[in-house]
Amino acid sequence: MLENLIMMEEGKTLEFKENTQSLNKIVQTIIAFANTAGGTIIIGIKDKTKKIVGIHKPLRDEEKISSAVADSIAPLFLPNIEIHNIRNKELLVIKVPHAVGPFYLKKYGERDGTYIRLGSTNRKADIDTLKTLKRLSENITFDELPLIKAKKNDIDWALLKQIFKRKRKKIDMNKAENLGIIKEHMGKKYPSNGGILLFGKNRMKYFPDINIRCVRFSGNDRDKVLDHYDIDIALPLAIEEAINFVEKVSFKFSKFGKIYREDILQFPSVAIRESIINAVVHTDYSIKGTSIQIAIFDNRIEITNPGGLPFGLTLERAITGVSKIRNRVLARVFRELSIIEQWGSGMRRIIKTYQDLNIVPPIFEEIDTFFRIILFSIKNKKRTLEKWEIKLLDFLKKHNEITTIQAAELWKISDRAARTKLKKMIESKLIQRIGTSIKDPKAIFKLLIDDRI
């Protein structure tokens, strides 16, 4: 619903424009959306105040944008441009699908005219990002590329076989090729980038930033380090090593039964495991100079990996279970070793674990070219909802929206008292208001669209 979008902040897939005067910026945003994950541009909205000002000649502006897109963008790209009427104001809505490009400004060429979306800004694609966009168009991932500087014996075959044997599986050269560990290039066989990342004897020679950096801090900030561990072993083993370190340095709480005492970890084991696997599988290993980081605090753990979400994927879709594989070789091998059970199930499993324990929900966020999962301690319990809050939330689940008058009738209180309760629920991030203010007679209230849960 368009009014829902207007209430949201600008971000990876949303931008507001007051008018079409900055036509070059609009075209640039269309390119950035198309290359990244798609998006919507709404014209006729003040981006600072979100005041709906409308546009006076929508047909003329629609034609102007269509001509600019056709004349300026290569290869050919056709967004969907619609005219909407909101509160007696005409708005232009440009819906941009994600597509395989890269798309760029013709006058600057592919090298200098390609843009991507980072947060609420458009950014010119650097060389590495341009390579990633081109690989996407060729349907190949970075870890599938042959590493022609390496040789087949740079793979630690003994370790590889040992790891597979632990899962009661055998592996030979044919299977290694099928999994993508070995790739053929110009008649010769080489380890793939993924093969070296997974089982390379000297992985740091080719990927010096491959390690997982774990740090235990004192308290809830980064002022004092209590313990640290840099893990630079084969990735299948590194996952277990990282999990073990987190469990070793985390608090343990005791729960006493009638006979035995049960030790409970500071963070749910399932969530720790899924978050670390997610970081390893979805890291962009083509990015140089940074590594996977695991920061453990008294009240939370932050798992951060280089590389935002893969192009074509939004956070909202990822949380619902939609998956785009950034590293196919890693994913195939981890699936073969039963490290990964089902594509796209990790985030949902983390969320469900926290819901079942009634803990403050985890946060999933893109920070520039990084992705981070924040897991809170089991001591961070969510507050218990009041009966009147539950009643309104149940109503919204069935009817999608409610007005102040309807809320007052539901609670059997005055309109003024209902406004007070609705305001409290907004502040608690349980619902959102669609309207100019809490006293707006046309205001409606809906469940909050919260990317943390």
Protein backbone atom coordinates (compact mmCIF):
# COMPACT_ATOMS: atom_id res chain seq x y z
CA MET A 1 0.00 0.00 0.00
CA LEU A 2 1.38 3.39 -1.05
CA GLU A 3 0.56 5.13 2.25
CA ASN A 4 2.62 2.50 4.08
CA LEU A 5 5.62 3.34 1.89
CA ILE A 6 5.19 7.06 2.53
CA MET A 7 5.43 6.45 6.29
CA MET A 8 8.71 4.56 5.90
CA GLU A 9 12.20 6.03 5.83
CA GLU A 10 14.25 6.24 2.65
CA GLY A 11 16.52 3.25 2.28
CA LYS A 12 17.86 0.53 0.05
CA THR A 13 14.62 0.20 -1.93
CA LEU A 14 12.82 3.52 -1.36
CA GLU A 15 13.42 7.15 -2.34
CA PHE A 16 11.26 10.29 -2.23
CA LYS A 17 11.51 13.26 -4.59
CA GLU A 18 9.59 16.52 -4.33
CA ASN A 19 9.55 17.05 -8.10
CA THR A 20 11.31 16.07 -11.35
CA GLN A 21 13.73 19.00 -11.41
CA SER A 22 16.63 16.75 -10.38
CA LEU A 23 16.05 14.44 -13.37
CA ASN A 24 19.67 13.24 -13.45
CA LYS A 25 19.42 12.10 -9.82
CA ILE A 26 16.19 10.23 -10.60
CA VAL A 27 17.83 8.39 -13.51
CA GLN A 28 20.84 7.62 -11.32
CA THR A 29 18.55 6.16 -8.64
CA ILE A 30 16.74 4.01 -11.24
CA ILE A 31 20.13 2.58 -12.29
CA ALA A 32 21.15 1.98 -8.65
CA PHE A 33 17.85 0.24 -7.83
CA ALA A 34 18.00 -1.92 -10.98
CA ASN A 35 21.56 -3.06 -10.22
CA THR A 36 21.00 -3.70 -6.51
CA ALA A 37 17.63 -5.06 -5.40
CA GLY A 38 14.91 -3.07 -7.13
CA GLY A 39 13.00 -0.27 -5.47
CA THR A 40 10.36 2.45 -5.61
CA ILE A 41 10.74 6.18 -6.27
CA ILE A 42 7.79 8.34 -5.18
CA ILE A 43 7.69 11.84 -6.70
CA GLY A 44 5.57 14.52 -5.04
CA ILE A 45 6.81 13.95 -1.47
CA LYS A 46 9.17 16.17 0.53
CA ASP A 47 11.91 13.75 1.56
CA LYS A 48 12.66 15.51 4.87
CA THR A 49 9.14 16.01 6.24
CA LYS A 50 7.31 13.45 4.05
CA LYS A 51 4.68 16.10 3.36
CA ILE A 52 2.59 15.16 0.32
CA VAL A 53 2.89 18.13 -2.07
CA GLY A 54 1.95 16.35 -5.30
CA ILE A 55 2.93 17.25 -8.85
CA HIS A 56 0.96 19.60 -11.11
CA LYS A 57 1.48 17.96 -14.52
CA PRO A 58 1.90 14.21 -13.96
CA LEU A 59 1.49 13.21 -17.62
CA ARG A 60 4.16 15.68 -18.72
CA ASP A 61 6.54 14.52 -15.95
CA GLU A 62 5.87 10.86 -16.74
CA GLU A 63 6.83 11.46 -20.38
CA LYS A 64 9.92 13.42 -19.31
CA ILE A 65 11.14 10.57 -17.09
CA SER A 66 10.39 7.91 -19.73
CA SER A 67 12.41 9.84 -22.34
CA ALA A 68 15.32 10.38 -19.94
CA VAL A 69 15.44 6.67 -19.07
CA ALA A 70 15.36 5.62 -22.75
CA ASP A 71 18.02 8.17 -23.74
CA SER A 72 20.36 7.81 -20.76
CA ILE A 73 20.45 4.18 -19.59
CA ALA A 74 22.20 1.22 -21.21
CA PRO A 75 21.37 -1.53 -21.79
CA LEU A 76 17.68 -0.84 -22.47
CA PHE A 77 15.69 -0.69 -19.23
CA LEU A 78 11.97 -0.06 -18.75
CA PRO A 79 10.73 0.76 -15.25
CA ASN A 80 7.00 0.94 -14.53
CA ILE A 81 5.74 4.51 -14.02
CA GLU A 82 2.29 5.02 -12.46
CA ILE A 83 0.16 8.01 -11.43
CA HIS A 84 -1.49 7.72 -8.01
CA ASN A 85 -3.92 10.04 -6.22
CA ILE A 86 -3.35 10.35 -2.47
CA ARG A 87 -5.34 12.86 -0.42
CA ASN A 88 -6.30 14.71 -3.61
CA LYS A 89 -2.65 15.03 -4.66
CA GLU A 90 -1.16 13.46 -7.79
CA LEU A 91 2.01 11.42 -7.25
CA LEU A 92 4.31 9.67 -9.71
CA VAL A 93 5.43 6.23 -8.58
CA ILE A 94 8.37 4.63 -10.40
CA LYS A 95 8.62 0.89 -9.71
CA VAL A 96 12.08 -0.42 -10.56
CA PRO A 97 12.59 -4.20 -10.71
CA HIS A 98 15.99 -5.74 -10.05
CA ALA A 99 17.47 -7.02 -13.31
CA VAL A 100 20.72 -8.53 -14.52
CA GLY A 101 22.94 -5.75 -15.87
CA PRO A 102 25.07 -3.97 -15.15
CA PHE A 103 23.05 -0.87 -16.08
CA TYR A 104 24.87 2.42 -16.49
CA LEU A 105 24.70 5.99 -17.79
CA LYS A 106 25.47 5.91 -21.52
CA LYS A 107 27.43 9.16 -21.54
CA TYR A 108 29.89 7.91 -18.89
CA GLY A 109 30.11 4.29 -19.99
CA GLU A 110 30.06 1.12 -17.92
CA ARG A 111 33.25 1.91 -15.98
CA ASP A 112 32.22 5.35 -14.70
CA GLY A 113 28.44 5.32 -15.08
CA THR A 114 27.40 2.25 -13.07
CA TYR A 115 25.67 2.88 -9.73
CA ILE A 116 24.50 0.67 -6.86
CA ARG A 117 22.37 1.41 -3.81
CA LEU A 118 23.92 1.43 -0.33
CA GLY A 119 21.45 2.37 2.38
CA SER A 120 19.65 5.52 1.26
CA THR A 121 22.40 6.69 -1.11
CA ASN A 122 23.53 5.92 -4.63
CA ARG A 123 27.19 5.01 -4.99
CA LYS A 124 29.35 4.64 -8.06
CA ALA A 125 30.35 0.99 -8.46
CA ASP A 126 34.06 0.33 -7.95
CA ILE A 127 36.05 -2.19 -9.99
CA ASP A 128 35.32 -5.14 -7.67
CA THR A 129 31.59 -4.36 -7.56
CA LEU A 130 31.52 -4.07 -11.35
CA LYS A 131 33.15 -7.50 -11.59
CA THR A 132 30.49 -8.91 -9.26
CA LEU A 133 27.70 -7.44 -11.40
CA LYS A 134 29.27 -8.95 -14.51
CA ARG A 135 29.60 -12.36 -12.86
CA LEU A 136 25.91 -12.12 -12.03
CA SER A 137 25.14 -11.61 -15.72
CA GLU A 138 27.30 -14.66 -16.54
CA ASN A 139 25.59 -16.72 -13.80
CA ILE A 140 28.87 -17.53 -12.04
CA THR A 141 29.93 -16.87 -8.45
CA PHE A 142 33.35 -15.75 -7.21
CA ASP A 143 34.07 -19.06 -5.49
CA GLU A 144 33.40 -20.96 -8.75
CA LEU A 145 36.22 -19.17 -10.60
CA PRO A 146 39.42 -21.20 -11.18
CA LEU A 147 42.40 -19.95 -9.18
CA ILE A 148 45.02 -20.32 -11.91
CA LYS A 149 47.86 -19.25 -9.60
CA ALA A 150 47.27 -22.43 -7.59
CA LYS A 151 47.75 -26.12 -8.37
CA LYS A 152 45.67 -29.18 -7.56
CA ASN A 153 48.10 -30.22 -4.81
CA ASP A 154 47.44 -26.87 -3.09
CA ILE A 155 44.25 -28.58 -1.89
CA ASP A 156 44.78 -30.50 1.35
CA TRP A 157 43.33 -33.76 0.05
CA ALA A 158 44.04 -35.65 3.27
CA LEU A 159 42.09 -33.09 5.31
CA LEU A 160 39.30 -32.98 2.72
CA LYS A 161 38.87 -36.77 2.84
CA GLN A 162 39.05 -36.77 6.64
CA ILE A 163 36.28 -34.16 6.92
CA PHE A 164 34.07 -36.09 4.49
CA LYS A 165 34.84 -39.35 6.30
CA ARG A 166 33.52 -37.83 9.54
CA LYS A 167 30.16 -37.63 7.77
CA ARG A 168 30.60 -41.18 6.42
CA LYS A 169 31.03 -39.91 2.89
CA LYS A 170 33.69 -40.53 0.28
CA ILE A 171 35.17 -38.05 -2.14
CA ASP A 172 37.36 -38.48 -5.22
CA MET A 173 38.49 -36.20 -8.05
CA ASN A 174 35.22 -36.61 -9.97
CA LYS A 175 33.12 -35.64 -6.97
CA ALA A 176 35.48 -32.72 -6.22
CA GLU A 177 34.85 -31.46 -9.75
CA ASN A 178 31.09 -31.92 -9.41
CA LEU A 179 31.12 -29.90 -6.19
CA GLY A 180 33.20 -27.18 -7.86
CA ILE A 181 36.29 -27.67 -5.68
CA ILE A 182 38.27 -28.30 -8.87
CA LYS A 183 37.58 -26.35 -12.10
CA GLU A 184 38.81 -26.84 -15.63
CA HIS A 185 40.32 -23.86 -17.46
CA MET A 186 41.77 -24.01 -20.98
CA GLY A 187 42.21 -27.78 -20.78
CA LYS A 188 43.89 -27.76 -17.36
CA LYS A 189 42.46 -28.40 -13.90
CA TYR A 190 42.90 -25.90 -11.10
CA PRO A 191 41.47 -25.45 -7.61
CA SER A 192 38.55 -23.04 -7.59
CA ASN A 193 38.54 -20.03 -5.28
CA GLY A 194 36.04 -21.99 -3.20
CA GLY A 195 38.25 -25.07 -3.15
CA ILE A 196 41.15 -23.07 -1.68
CA LEU A 197 38.86 -21.22 0.75
CA LEU A 198 37.53 -24.54 2.02
CA PHE A 199 40.52 -26.88 1.94
CA GLY A 200 43.61 -24.94 0.81
CA LYS A 201 46.93 -25.88 2.41
CA ASN A 202 48.08 -22.27 2.34
CA ARG A 203 44.83 -20.36 2.16
CA MET A 204 46.31 -17.18 3.63
CA LYS A 205 48.68 -16.93 0.66
CA TYR A 206 45.76 -16.37 -1.70
CA PHE A 207 43.20 -14.96 0.75
CA PRO A 208 45.08 -13.16 3.56
CA ASP A 209 41.83 -11.93 5.16
CA ILE A 210 40.13 -15.33 5.33
CA ASN A 211 40.32 -15.66 9.13
CA ILE A 212 37.42 -15.38 11.57
CA ARG A 213 38.28 -12.79 14.22
CA CYS A 214 36.63 -13.48 17.59
CA VAL A 215 36.83 -11.00 20.50
CA ARG A 216 35.27 -11.16 23.98
CA PHE A 217 34.81 -7.68 25.44
CA SER A 218 34.20 -6.68 29.04
CA GLY A 219 30.78 -5.11 29.53
CA ASN A 220 28.69 -3.81 26.65
CA ASP A 221 31.25 -1.70 24.77
CA ARG A 222 34.60 -2.22 23.02
CA ASP A 223 36.84 -0.50 25.59
CA LYS A 224 38.36 -3.58 27.24
CA VAL A 225 39.25 -6.92 25.61
CA LEU A 226 39.02 -10.01 27.83
CA ASP A 227 39.93 -12.66 25.24
CA HIS A 228 40.46 -13.00 21.51
CA TYR A 229 41.06 -15.72 18.93
CA ASP A 230 41.88 -15.49 15.22
CA ILE A 231 40.73 -18.66 13.45
CA ASP A 232 42.52 -19.42 10.19
CA ILE A 233 41.82 -23.12 9.62
CA ALA A 234 39.73 -24.84 6.92
CA LEU A 235 36.26 -23.26 6.82
CA PRO A 236 34.26 -26.40 7.79
CA LEU A 237 36.45 -26.71 10.90
CA ALA A 238 36.55 -22.95 11.48
CA ILE A 239 32.77 -22.88 11.97
CA GLU A 240 32.97 -25.39 14.83
CA GLU A 241 35.99 -23.61 16.30
CA ALA A 242 34.17 -20.27 16.30
CA ILE A 243 31.09 -21.81 17.94
CA ASN A 244 33.30 -23.40 20.62
CA PHE A 245 35.02 -20.08 21.36
CA VAL A 246 31.72 -18.23 21.72
CA GLU A 247 30.41 -20.89 24.10
CA LYS A 248 33.67 -20.88 26.09
CA VAL A 249 33.72 -17.11 26.74
CA SER A 250 29.96 -16.58 27.18
CA PHE A 251 28.25 -16.47 30.55
CA LYS A 252 26.47 -19.57 31.75
CA PHE A 253 23.36 -19.41 33.90
CA SER A 254 22.22 -22.18 36.20
CA LYS A 255 18.72 -23.56 36.31
CA PHE A 256 18.00 -25.90 39.21
CA GLY A 257 15.61 -28.80 38.88
CA LYS A 258 14.48 -31.15 41.63
CA ILE A 259 17.70 -33.15 41.44
CA TYR A 260 20.08 -31.81 38.81
CA ARG A 261 21.44 -28.40 37.89
CA GLU A 262 21.22 -27.37 34.23
CA ASP A 263 23.72 -24.87 32.77
CA ILE A 264 22.16 -22.54 30.19
CA LEU A 265 24.30 -20.57 27.72
CA GLN A 266 24.13 -16.80 27.51
CA PHE A 267 23.02 -17.06 23.87
CA PRO A 268 20.83 -19.79 22.30
CA SER A 269 23.09 -22.44 20.70
CA VAL A 270 20.90 -22.75 17.60
CA ALA A 271 21.08 -19.01 16.96
CA ILE A 272 24.88 -18.91 17.44
CA ARG A 273 25.41 -21.78 15.02
CA GLU A 274 23.06 -20.47 12.33
CA SER A 275 24.51 -16.94 12.54
CA ILE A 276 28.11 -18.11 12.17
CA ILE A 277 27.24 -20.46 9.29
CA ASN A 278 25.36 -17.59 7.62
CA ALA A 279 28.43 -15.34 7.93
CA VAL A 280 30.81 -17.93 6.46
CA VAL A 281 28.53 -18.95 3.56
CA HIS A 282 27.51 -15.40 2.60
CA THR A 283 30.79 -13.51 3.01
CA ASP A 284 31.96 -11.76 -0.15
CA TYR A 285 35.46 -13.22 -0.36
CA SER A 286 36.36 -10.95 -3.28
CA ILE A 287 36.49 -8.02 -0.84
CA LYS A 288 40.04 -7.47 0.38
CA GLY A 289 41.22 -6.04 3.68
CA THR A 290 38.53 -7.28 6.04
CA SER A 291 37.37 -10.52 7.65
CA ILE A 292 34.44 -12.09 9.49
CA GLN A 293 34.18 -10.58 12.98
CA ILE A 294 32.47 -12.03 16.05
CA ALA A 295 32.19 -9.59 18.97
CA ILE A 296 30.87 -10.96 22.27
CA PHE A 297 29.56 -8.56 24.93
CA ASP A 298 27.76 -9.04 28.24
CA ASN A 299 24.35 -8.37 26.72
CA ARG A 300 24.75 -9.34 23.05
CA ILE A 301 26.86 -10.91 20.32
CA GLU A 302 27.50 -9.27 16.94
CA ILE A 303 28.43 -11.44 13.94
CA THR A 304 29.56 -9.29 10.99
CA ASN A 305 30.64 -10.49 7.56
CA PRO A 306 32.05 -8.60 4.55
CA GLY A 307 29.46 -8.21 1.82
CA GLY A 308 25.91 -6.94 2.17
CA LEU A 309 23.02 -9.02 0.91
CA PRO A 310 23.57 -10.46 -2.58
CA PHE A 311 22.33 -8.29 -5.46
CA GLY A 312 18.62 -8.90 -6.04
CA LEU A 313 17.81 -9.64 -2.39
CA THR A 314 16.24 -7.35 0.21
CA LEU A 315 16.33 -7.81 3.97
CA GLU A 316 12.56 -8.25 4.12
CA ARG A 317 12.67 -11.12 1.60
CA ALA A 318 15.70 -12.74 3.26
CA ILE A 319 13.92 -12.85 6.62
CA THR A 320 10.92 -14.61 5.05
CA GLY A 321 13.23 -17.37 3.78
CA VAL A 322 14.07 -16.22 0.25
CA SER A 323 17.68 -17.17 -0.46
CA LYS A 324 20.25 -16.09 -3.04
CA ILE A 325 23.49 -18.04 -2.91
CA ARG A 326 26.60 -15.87 -3.04
CA ASN A 327 29.09 -18.78 -2.86
CA ARG A 328 27.84 -21.86 -4.71
CA VAL A 329 30.90 -24.05 -4.03
CA LEU A 330 30.76 -23.37 -0.29
CA ALA A 331 27.01 -23.94 -0.26
CA ARG A 332 27.29 -27.27 -2.15
CA VAL A 333 30.04 -28.57 0.13
CA PHE A 334 28.28 -27.44 3.32
CA ARG A 335 25.06 -29.07 2.11
CA GLU A 336 27.00 -32.28 1.36
CA LEU A 337 28.49 -32.18 4.88
CA SER A 338 25.05 -31.45 6.43
CA ILE A 339 26.30 -28.12 7.79
CA ILE A 340 23.46 -26.50 5.85
CA GLU A 341 20.13 -28.31 6.02
CA GLN A 342 17.78 -26.22 3.89
CA TRP A 343 18.32 -23.09 1.79
CA GLY A 344 16.98 -19.93 3.39
CA SER A 345 16.01 -21.53 6.71
CA GLY A 346 18.76 -20.02 8.90
CA MET A 347 17.23 -16.61 9.66
CA ARG A 348 13.79 -18.07 10.25
CA ARG A 349 15.28 -20.63 12.66
CA ILE A 350 17.06 -17.83 14.56
CA ILE A 351 13.86 -15.77 14.78
CA LYS A 352 11.77 -18.74 15.93
CA THR A 353 14.33 -19.65 18.61
CA TYR A 354 14.08 -16.15 20.09
CA GLN A 355 10.30 -16.08 19.83
CA ASP A 356 10.04 -19.41 21.67
CA LEU A 357 12.28 -18.10 24.46
CA ASN A 358 10.48 -14.71 24.60
CA ILE A 359 13.79 -12.86 24.24
CA VAL A 360 14.27 -9.43 22.65
CA PRO A 361 14.34 -10.33 18.93
CA PRO A 362 17.59 -10.45 16.95
CA ILE A 363 18.54 -7.61 14.63
CA PHE A 364 19.54 -8.19 11.01
CA GLU A 365 21.12 -5.19 9.31
CA GLU A 366 23.12 -4.09 6.29
CA ILE A 367 25.87 -1.62 7.14
CA ASP A 368 27.44 -0.26 3.98
CA THR A 369 29.12 -3.33 2.41
CA PHE A 370 28.74 -5.51 5.53
CA PHE A 371 25.95 -7.68 6.94
CA ARG A 372 25.44 -8.04 10.69
CA ILE A 373 23.35 -10.23 12.98
CA ILE A 374 22.93 -9.09 16.60
CA LEU A 375 21.83 -11.75 19.09
CA PHE A 376 20.75 -10.67 22.55
CA SER A 377 21.40 -12.52 25.80
CA ILE A 378 18.67 -14.79 27.16
CA LYS A 379 18.47 -12.33 30.09
CA ASN A 380 17.01 -9.72 27.69
CA LYS A 381 13.40 -10.81 28.04
CA LYS A 382 10.64 -8.99 26.17
CA ARG A 383 8.14 -7.21 28.40
CA THR A 384 4.83 -8.96 28.88
CA LEU A 385 2.08 -7.35 26.84
CA GLU A 386 -0.96 -5.89 28.57
CA LYS A 387 -4.33 -7.51 27.86
CA TRP A 388 -5.56 -4.38 26.06
CA GLU A 389 -2.46 -4.42 23.83
CA ILE A 390 -3.02 -8.08 22.95
CA LYS A 391 -6.66 -7.31 22.15
CA LEU A 392 -5.72 -4.59 19.66
CA LEU A 393 -2.93 -6.67 18.08
CA ASP A 394 -5.35 -9.56 17.59
CA PHE A 395 -7.78 -7.14 15.91
CA LEU A 396 -5.04 -5.89 13.54
CA LYS A 397 -4.03 -9.43 12.59
CA LYS A 398 -7.59 -10.03 11.40
CA HIS A 399 -8.53 -6.61 10.00
CA ASN A 400 -5.13 -5.12 8.99
CA GLU A 401 -5.92 -1.58 10.25
CA ILE A 402 -7.86 0.33 12.90
CA THR A 403 -8.90 3.95 13.57
CA THR A 404 -8.87 5.81 16.89
CA ILE A 405 -12.67 5.60 17.10
CA GLN A 406 -12.60 1.83 16.45
CA ALA A 407 -9.87 1.38 19.09
CA ALA A 408 -11.95 3.32 21.61
CA GLU A 409 -14.94 1.08 20.87
CA LEU A 410 -12.76 -2.05 21.11
CA TRP A 411 -11.39 -1.01 24.52
CA LYS A 412 -14.69 0.59 25.64
CA ILE A 413 -12.99 3.87 26.58
CA SER A 414 -13.08 7.49 25.39
CA ASP A 415 -11.38 8.65 22.18
CA ARG A 416 -8.92 10.69 24.25
CA ALA A 417 -7.94 7.67 26.37
CA ALA A 418 -7.63 5.55 23.21
CA ARG A 419 -5.22 8.09 21.71
CA THR A 420 -3.04 7.80 24.83
CA LYS A 421 -2.94 4.01 24.61
CA LEU A 422 -2.25 4.06 20.85
CA LYS A 423 0.62 6.49 21.44
CA LYS A 424 2.11 4.12 24.02
CA MET A 425 1.89 1.21 21.57
CA ILE A 426 3.64 3.29 18.89
CA GLU A 427 6.44 4.16 21.33
CA SER A 428 6.75 0.44 22.19
CA LYS A 429 7.15 -0.28 18.46
CA LEU A 430 4.09 -2.52 18.40
CA ILE A 431 2.11 -0.52 15.82
CA GLN A 432 2.66 2.29 13.34
CA ARG A 433 0.53 5.33 12.54
CA ILE A 434 -0.48 6.19 8.97
CA GLY A 435 -1.36 9.89 9.21
CA THR A 436 0.10 13.26 10.05
CA SER A 437 -0.36 13.06 13.83
CA ILE A 438 -1.97 11.05 16.62
CA LYS A 439 -4.93 13.50 16.52
CA ASP A 440 -5.36 13.28 12.74
CA PRO A 441 -9.03 12.20 12.30
CA LYS A 442 -8.02 10.25 9.17
CA ALA A 443 -5.12 8.48 10.90
CA ILE A 444 -5.14 4.71 10.81
CA PHE A 445 -2.96 2.31 12.77
CA LYS A 446 -1.32 -0.89 11.54
CA LEU A 447 1.07 -3.55 12.78
CA LEU A 448 4.63 -2.27 12.73
CA ILE A 449 6.75 -3.38 9.78
CA ASP A 450 9.87 -4.20 11.80
CA ASP A 451 12.85 -5.83 10.05
CA ARG A 452 14.17 -7.13 13.37
CA ILE A 453 11.51 -9.80 13.83
